[in-house]
Amino acid sequence: MKLGDLFKIAVDNKASDLHLIVGMSPTLRIDGKLGPIKGQGSITQKIAEELIYPILTDKQKEIYLKEKELDLSYEIKSGHRFRVNLHWEKDHLGLVARVISSNIPTMEDILMPEIAYKLLEMKQGLILVTGPTGCGKSTTLAAMVNFINANRSAHIMTLEDPIEFLFKPNKSIIKQRQLHTDMITFQSALIHVLRQDPNVIMVGEMRNLETIAATITLAETGHLVLATLHTHNAAQTIDRIIDIFPSHQQQQIRLQVSMTLNAVISQQLIPKAKGGRIATREVMLNIPAISNLVRENKIAQIKTVIQTSAEEGMITMDQNLINMFNEGTINKETAQSHMTNPELIN
């Protein structure tokens, strides 16, 4: 069996991820739950090598063996794409592959809130999509880029590791750059992107101080920037950005963020009552009250402003979960297990 065969099984079973672990059967994650592929025996180191090494170029194999980590994208004959992470585990090869939909989702497909459409009409500023690993951040970014592509005449540039969804130019022109093959680092690409006449820049992930600093600067200089962070809510997102900088720079960064940030959309993927999964989202908009709290380092008060600003288009995660429960989309246990204050549901 080839790796492509296992990828096809993952697609056919509507899995989100495929895991290869030496000593275990190939494993799929379906609707958030892990389970072995039926009829597949345990993977040995030899089998892992036979599955993984054929999909790598000589250069990729060299990087993998040297650095013990490698991210890449891979496409099978059916046109389905995968974001592949290779690593080592107990001196054995390991693989996790995320299944990428062959169709780029629309904003309607993923039930984006109405305010998100207005955010994407903005010409500059920073929009952050945040949440834990596997919560659909990349899918949300893809839907946002897709919307801009269909509705605006813009030059969109994406910086990714690796490239996931493949976009075709519509009203916009799109350039997609991949780490290691099209750029050396995110921060170097962000520094040079200013000379490439972009209108919209998508940063796959703000990973470190240099990338965050460069992203904020781009948002200040007349560009709309879309990016992701691994944070759970709006307040934690602001804290993460500020805290990554040295203490003597933090006041300046608070001022920059208070002026450049347009919105934070934090999301989780949770089980639906009748099967499948759905995204629940917290939305924070950088209205003057929020901007003042960021500038004055009163981050703990952000949640209160979100709670009292529904008319602006904001909503807390708890409020969204309560709405979904009341609509019958999710059950009580699911809602309460993802809430900060589960006692709000009796």
Protein backbone atom coordinates (compact mmCIF):
# COMPACT_ATOMS: atom_id res chain seq x y z
CA MET A 1 0.00 0.00 0.00
CA LYS A 2 1.15 3.53 -0.82
CA LEU A 3 0.58 6.64 1.24
CA GLY A 4 -1.81 7.90 -1.43
CA ASP A 5 -4.06 4.90 -0.74
CA LEU A 6 -4.29 5.83 2.95
CA PHE A 7 -4.98 9.44 2.00
CA LYS A 8 -7.85 8.26 -0.22
CA ILE A 9 -9.27 6.21 2.66
CA ALA A 10 -9.15 9.35 4.81
CA VAL A 11 -11.05 11.33 2.17
CA ASP A 12 -13.63 8.57 1.61
CA ASN A 13 -14.30 8.41 5.36
CA LYS A 14 -14.61 12.20 5.63
CA ALA A 15 -11.77 12.29 8.14
CA SER A 16 -10.08 15.53 9.17
CA ASP A 17 -6.70 13.94 9.92
CA LEU A 18 -4.62 10.81 9.30
CA HIS A 19 -2.03 9.65 11.88
CA LEU A 20 0.83 7.23 11.17
CA ILE A 21 2.57 5.97 14.32
CA VAL A 22 5.07 3.10 14.37
CA GLY A 23 3.62 0.28 16.46
CA MET A 24 -0.01 1.24 15.76
CA SER A 25 -2.48 0.89 12.90
CA PRO A 26 -3.07 3.96 10.70
CA THR A 27 -5.55 6.14 12.57
CA LEU A 28 -8.21 8.59 11.39
CA ARG A 29 -9.85 11.49 13.19
CA ILE A 30 -13.53 11.64 12.19
CA ASP A 31 -15.81 14.27 13.75
CA GLY A 32 -13.14 14.87 16.35
CA LYS A 33 -12.79 11.22 17.41
CA LEU A 34 -9.75 9.01 16.75
CA GLY A 35 -10.04 5.44 15.54
CA PRO A 36 -7.91 2.89 13.61
CA ILE A 37 -8.51 2.13 9.95
CA LYS A 38 -10.17 -1.26 9.82
CA GLY A 39 -8.15 -4.04 8.22
CA GLN A 40 -4.81 -2.25 8.58
CA GLY A 41 -2.07 -3.83 10.66
CA SER A 42 0.50 -2.11 12.83
CA ILE A 43 3.06 0.07 11.09
CA THR A 44 6.72 -0.89 11.43
CA GLN A 45 9.63 1.49 10.91
CA LYS A 46 10.28 -0.16 7.54
CA ILE A 47 6.67 0.32 6.44
CA ALA A 48 6.76 3.95 7.63
CA GLU A 49 9.85 4.58 5.51
CA GLU A 50 8.21 2.92 2.49
CA LEU A 51 5.12 5.08 2.91
CA ILE A 52 6.73 8.44 3.70
CA TYR A 53 10.03 8.69 1.82
CA PRO A 54 8.55 8.31 -1.73
CA ILE A 55 6.52 11.54 -1.34
CA LEU A 56 9.63 13.59 -0.49
CA THR A 57 12.11 15.27 -2.78
CA ASP A 58 15.78 14.73 -2.02
CA LYS A 59 15.91 18.23 -0.50
CA GLN A 60 12.85 17.59 1.69
CA LYS A 61 14.27 14.28 2.89
CA GLU A 62 17.54 15.99 3.77
CA ILE A 63 15.72 18.65 5.82
CA TYR A 64 13.54 16.04 7.54
CA LEU A 65 16.48 13.87 8.56
CA LYS A 66 18.50 16.87 9.74
CA GLU A 67 15.84 18.93 11.54
CA LYS A 68 13.54 16.05 12.58
CA GLU A 69 10.52 18.12 11.50
CA LEU A 70 9.01 18.97 8.12
CA ASP A 71 5.76 20.54 6.89
CA LEU A 72 4.63 20.11 3.30
CA SER A 73 1.53 19.91 1.14
CA TYR A 74 0.65 16.87 -0.96
CA GLU A 75 -1.99 16.22 -3.60
CA ILE A 76 -3.43 12.86 -4.71
CA LYS A 77 -4.88 12.00 -8.13
CA SER A 78 -8.44 12.86 -7.09
CA GLY A 79 -7.30 16.46 -6.54
CA HIS A 80 -7.60 16.31 -2.77
CA ARG A 81 -4.80 18.07 -0.93
CA PHE A 82 -3.20 17.40 2.45
CA ARG A 83 -1.18 19.47 4.88
CA VAL A 84 1.44 17.00 6.05
CA ASN A 85 3.58 17.23 9.17
CA LEU A 86 6.48 14.82 9.48
CA HIS A 87 8.21 14.35 12.83
CA TRP A 88 10.07 11.74 14.88
CA GLU A 89 8.70 9.84 17.87
CA LYS A 90 10.76 7.44 20.01
CA ASP A 91 13.37 7.40 17.22
CA HIS A 92 10.68 6.44 14.67
CA LEU A 93 9.13 8.28 11.74
CA GLY A 94 5.75 9.88 12.39
CA LEU A 95 3.16 11.59 10.18
CA VAL A 96 0.01 13.63 10.68
CA ALA A 97 -1.88 14.72 7.56
CA ARG A 98 -4.73 17.23 7.61
CA VAL A 99 -7.30 16.70 4.84
CA ILE A 100 -7.90 19.91 2.88
CA SER A 101 -11.23 20.20 1.10
CA SER A 102 -10.95 20.20 -2.69
CA ASN A 103 -13.52 23.03 -2.74
CA ILE A 104 -12.66 26.40 -1.24
CA PRO A 105 -15.46 27.14 1.25
CA THR A 106 -17.61 30.24 1.02
CA MET A 107 -18.38 32.48 3.96
CA GLU A 108 -21.91 31.07 3.84
CA ASP A 109 -20.63 27.49 3.93
CA ILE A 110 -18.90 28.03 7.26
CA LEU A 111 -21.65 30.26 8.70
CA MET A 112 -19.49 33.34 9.18
CA PRO A 113 -21.25 36.12 11.12
CA GLU A 114 -22.68 39.05 9.16
CA ILE A 115 -20.13 41.49 10.55
CA ALA A 116 -17.29 39.52 8.91
CA TYR A 117 -18.48 40.60 5.46
CA LYS A 118 -18.13 44.27 6.45
CA LEU A 119 -14.69 43.64 7.93
CA LEU A 120 -13.45 42.29 4.60
CA GLU A 121 -14.49 45.51 2.84
CA MET A 122 -11.90 47.42 4.89
CA LYS A 123 -8.81 48.58 3.05
CA GLN A 124 -6.35 48.35 5.93
CA GLY A 125 -5.87 46.98 9.42
CA LEU A 126 -5.42 43.59 11.04
CA ILE A 127 -8.03 40.83 11.30
CA LEU A 128 -7.02 37.89 13.49
CA VAL A 129 -8.58 34.43 13.39
CA THR A 130 -7.67 32.52 16.53
CA GLY A 131 -8.35 29.22 18.25
CA PRO A 132 -6.77 25.90 19.20
CA THR A 133 -5.16 23.51 16.72
CA GLY A 134 -7.71 21.85 14.46
CA CYS A 135 -10.48 24.41 14.96
CA GLY A 136 -10.72 25.42 11.29
CA LYS A 137 -8.64 28.62 11.28
CA SER A 138 -7.14 27.83 7.87
CA THR A 139 -10.59 27.11 6.45
CA THR A 140 -11.91 30.41 7.79
CA LEU A 141 -8.97 32.32 6.29
CA ALA A 142 -9.54 30.57 2.96
CA ALA A 143 -13.22 31.58 2.96
CA MET A 144 -12.23 35.19 3.70
CA VAL A 145 -9.66 35.28 0.89
CA ASN A 146 -12.22 33.64 -1.40
CA PHE A 147 -14.75 36.37 -0.57
CA ILE A 148 -12.28 39.18 -1.29
CA ASN A 149 -11.25 37.44 -4.53
CA ALA A 150 -14.88 37.30 -5.67
CA ASN A 151 -15.84 40.82 -4.65
CA ARG A 152 -12.82 43.13 -4.84
CA SER A 153 -10.22 44.12 -7.39
CA ALA A 154 -7.15 43.60 -5.23
CA HIS A 155 -3.68 42.08 -5.19
CA ILE A 156 -3.80 39.31 -2.58
CA MET A 157 -0.62 37.69 -1.32
CA THR A 158 -0.59 34.66 0.95
CA LEU A 159 2.38 33.51 3.03
CA GLU A 160 1.85 29.88 4.06
CA ASP A 161 3.56 26.85 5.58
CA PRO A 162 2.62 24.91 3.55
CA ILE A 163 0.19 26.14 0.87
CA GLU A 164 -3.18 24.57 1.61
CA PHE A 165 -6.13 25.77 -0.51
CA LEU A 166 -5.27 26.69 -4.09
CA PHE A 167 -6.94 29.90 -5.26
CA LYS A 168 -7.76 30.91 -8.82
CA PRO A 169 -7.78 34.64 -9.62
CA ASN A 170 -11.28 36.08 -10.00
CA LYS A 171 -11.75 39.83 -9.54
CA SER A 172 -8.43 39.86 -7.70
CA ILE A 173 -4.98 38.57 -8.57
CA ILE A 174 -3.52 36.13 -6.05
CA LYS A 175 0.05 35.06 -5.36
CA GLN A 176 0.65 32.19 -2.93
CA ARG A 177 4.10 31.81 -1.37
CA GLN A 178 5.26 28.76 0.55
CA LEU A 179 7.89 28.62 3.27
CA HIS A 180 11.23 27.08 2.16
CA THR A 181 10.27 26.91 -1.54
CA ASP A 182 9.17 30.52 -2.20
CA MET A 183 10.51 32.31 0.88
CA ILE A 184 13.16 31.64 3.52
CA THR A 185 11.27 32.94 6.56
CA PHE A 186 7.93 34.61 7.26
CA GLN A 187 9.61 37.73 8.62
CA SER A 188 11.87 38.22 5.59
CA ALA A 189 8.90 37.76 3.24
CA LEU A 190 6.86 40.25 5.26
CA ILE A 191 9.65 42.83 5.07
CA HIS A 192 9.91 42.55 1.27
CA VAL A 193 6.19 42.22 0.54
CA LEU A 194 5.78 46.02 0.73
CA ARG A 195 7.61 46.28 -2.60
CA GLN A 196 5.27 43.80 -4.27
CA ASP A 197 2.25 46.14 -4.45
CA PRO A 198 -0.14 44.12 -2.25
CA ASN A 199 -3.60 45.19 -1.06
CA VAL A 200 -4.40 42.16 1.07
CA ILE A 201 -1.85 39.94 2.83
CA MET A 202 -2.67 36.63 4.48
CA VAL A 203 -0.14 35.37 7.03
CA GLY A 204 -0.70 31.69 7.75
CA GLU A 205 0.48 32.01 11.34
CA MET A 206 2.09 34.71 13.49
CA ARG A 207 4.70 32.46 15.08
CA ASN A 208 7.24 34.67 16.81
CA LEU A 209 8.10 38.22 17.80
CA GLU A 210 9.62 39.11 14.42
CA THR A 211 6.61 37.87 12.46
CA ILE A 212 4.14 39.61 14.78
CA ALA A 213 6.08 42.88 14.62
CA ALA A 214 6.25 42.77 10.81
CA THR A 215 2.55 41.90 10.55
CA ILE A 216 1.50 44.83 12.74
CA THR A 217 3.70 47.19 10.69
CA LEU A 218 2.06 46.02 7.46
CA ALA A 219 -1.39 46.65 8.93
CA GLU A 220 -0.23 50.18 9.81
CA THR A 221 0.97 50.96 6.29
CA GLY A 222 -2.29 50.76 4.34
CA HIS A 223 -2.78 47.01 3.90
CA LEU A 224 -5.51 44.64 5.03
CA VAL A 225 -3.78 41.79 6.84
CA LEU A 226 -5.40 38.47 7.76
CA ALA A 227 -3.53 36.24 10.19
CA THR A 228 -3.94 33.48 12.79
CA LEU A 229 -2.83 32.87 16.37
CA HIS A 230 -3.22 29.86 18.67
CA THR A 231 -5.24 31.69 21.34
CA HIS A 232 -8.68 30.90 22.76
CA ASN A 233 -10.36 34.31 23.00
CA ALA A 234 -9.95 37.98 22.19
CA ALA A 235 -8.47 39.05 25.54
CA GLN A 236 -5.89 36.24 25.48
CA THR A 237 -5.01 37.22 21.91
CA ILE A 238 -4.19 40.80 22.92
CA ASP A 239 -2.17 39.55 25.90
CA ARG A 240 -0.21 37.11 23.71
CA ILE A 241 0.73 39.80 21.20
CA ILE A 242 1.82 42.30 23.87
CA ASP A 243 3.62 39.80 26.12
CA ILE A 244 5.85 38.44 23.37
CA PHE A 245 7.65 41.80 23.21
CA PRO A 246 10.29 42.97 25.69
CA SER A 247 8.84 45.04 28.52
CA HIS A 248 10.37 48.30 27.27
CA GLN A 249 8.51 47.92 23.93
CA GLN A 250 5.14 46.86 25.28
CA GLN A 251 3.59 50.30 25.68
CA GLN A 252 4.45 51.15 22.07
CA ILE A 253 2.97 47.84 20.87
CA ARG A 254 -0.23 48.49 22.86
CA LEU A 255 -0.56 51.79 21.04
CA GLN A 256 0.07 50.17 17.65
CA VAL A 257 -2.39 47.33 18.28
CA SER A 258 -5.05 49.75 19.55
CA MET A 259 -4.84 51.61 16.24
CA THR A 260 -4.28 48.81 13.70
CA LEU A 261 -6.41 45.93 14.98
CA ASN A 262 -9.79 45.65 13.23
CA ALA A 263 -11.16 42.50 14.84
CA VAL A 264 -10.43 39.21 16.57
CA ILE A 265 -12.54 36.21 15.59
CA SER A 266 -11.90 33.30 17.98
CA GLN A 267 -13.41 29.93 17.15
CA GLN A 268 -13.80 26.33 18.24
CA LEU A 269 -15.09 23.30 16.35
CA ILE A 270 -17.68 21.46 18.42
CA PRO A 271 -19.96 18.42 17.88
CA LYS A 272 -23.43 19.09 16.49
CA ALA A 273 -26.41 17.45 18.16
CA LYS A 274 -27.18 15.35 15.07
CA GLY A 275 -23.61 14.50 14.02
CA GLY A 276 -20.81 16.41 12.37
CA ARG A 277 -19.13 19.51 13.72
CA ILE A 278 -19.82 23.24 13.63
CA ALA A 279 -17.78 26.34 14.43
CA THR A 280 -18.74 28.51 17.37
CA ARG A 281 -17.18 31.96 17.41
CA GLU A 282 -16.42 34.93 19.62
CA VAL A 283 -16.21 38.23 17.75
CA MET A 284 -14.44 41.32 19.09
CA LEU A 285 -14.40 44.53 17.07
CA ASN A 286 -11.93 47.27 17.80
CA ILE A 287 -14.45 49.96 18.67
CA PRO A 288 -13.20 53.01 20.66
CA ALA A 289 -14.03 51.35 24.01
CA ILE A 290 -11.88 48.31 23.13
CA SER A 291 -9.10 50.48 21.71
CA ASN A 292 -8.95 52.46 24.97
CA LEU A 293 -8.75 49.25 27.05
CA VAL A 294 -5.87 47.94 24.92
CA ARG A 295 -3.99 51.24 25.12
CA GLU A 296 -4.50 51.47 28.90
CA ASN A 297 -3.64 47.79 29.50
CA LYS A 298 -7.07 46.95 30.92
CA ILE A 299 -7.38 43.72 28.94
CA ALA A 300 -9.47 41.95 31.61
CA GLN A 301 -12.36 44.35 30.86
CA ILE A 302 -12.57 43.43 27.18
CA LYS A 303 -15.05 40.59 27.77
CA THR A 304 -17.51 42.98 29.45
CA VAL A 305 -17.42 45.32 26.45
CA ILE A 306 -18.03 42.40 24.08
CA GLN A 307 -21.01 41.27 26.21
CA THR A 308 -22.62 44.70 26.08
CA SER A 309 -21.94 45.46 22.40
CA ALA A 310 -24.15 43.00 20.56
CA GLU A 311 -25.62 45.82 18.48
CA GLU A 312 -22.13 46.44 17.08
CA GLY A 313 -21.88 42.83 15.89
CA MET A 314 -19.87 41.48 18.82
CA ILE A 315 -20.59 38.26 20.69
CA THR A 316 -18.79 36.24 23.37
CA MET A 317 -18.11 32.54 23.00
CA ASP A 318 -20.52 31.79 25.86
CA GLN A 319 -23.29 33.84 24.24
CA ASN A 320 -22.79 32.05 20.91
CA LEU A 321 -22.88 28.64 22.58
CA ILE A 322 -26.08 29.53 24.44
CA ASN A 323 -27.67 30.64 21.15
CA MET A 324 -26.67 27.36 19.48
CA PHE A 325 -28.09 25.35 22.38
CA ASN A 326 -31.37 27.30 22.31
CA GLU A 327 -31.63 26.67 18.55
CA GLY A 328 -31.07 22.93 19.08
CA THR A 329 -27.85 22.91 17.03
CA ILE A 330 -25.81 21.51 19.93
CA ASN A 331 -26.79 19.66 23.09
CA LYS A 332 -26.51 20.96 26.65
CA GLU A 333 -23.43 18.91 27.58
CA THR A 334 -21.51 20.14 24.54
CA ALA A 335 -22.44 23.76 25.19
CA GLN A 336 -21.49 23.64 28.87
CA SER A 337 -18.20 21.81 28.26
CA HIS A 338 -16.99 24.65 26.00
CA MET A 339 -18.27 27.56 28.10
CA THR A 340 -16.29 29.69 30.53
CA ASN A 341 -19.42 30.00 32.68
CA PRO A 342 -21.46 26.80 32.12
CA GLU A 343 -23.89 27.76 34.90
CA LEU A 344 -25.45 30.27 32.45
CA ILE A 345 -27.34 27.28 31.01
CA ASN A 346 -29.72 25.84 33.60
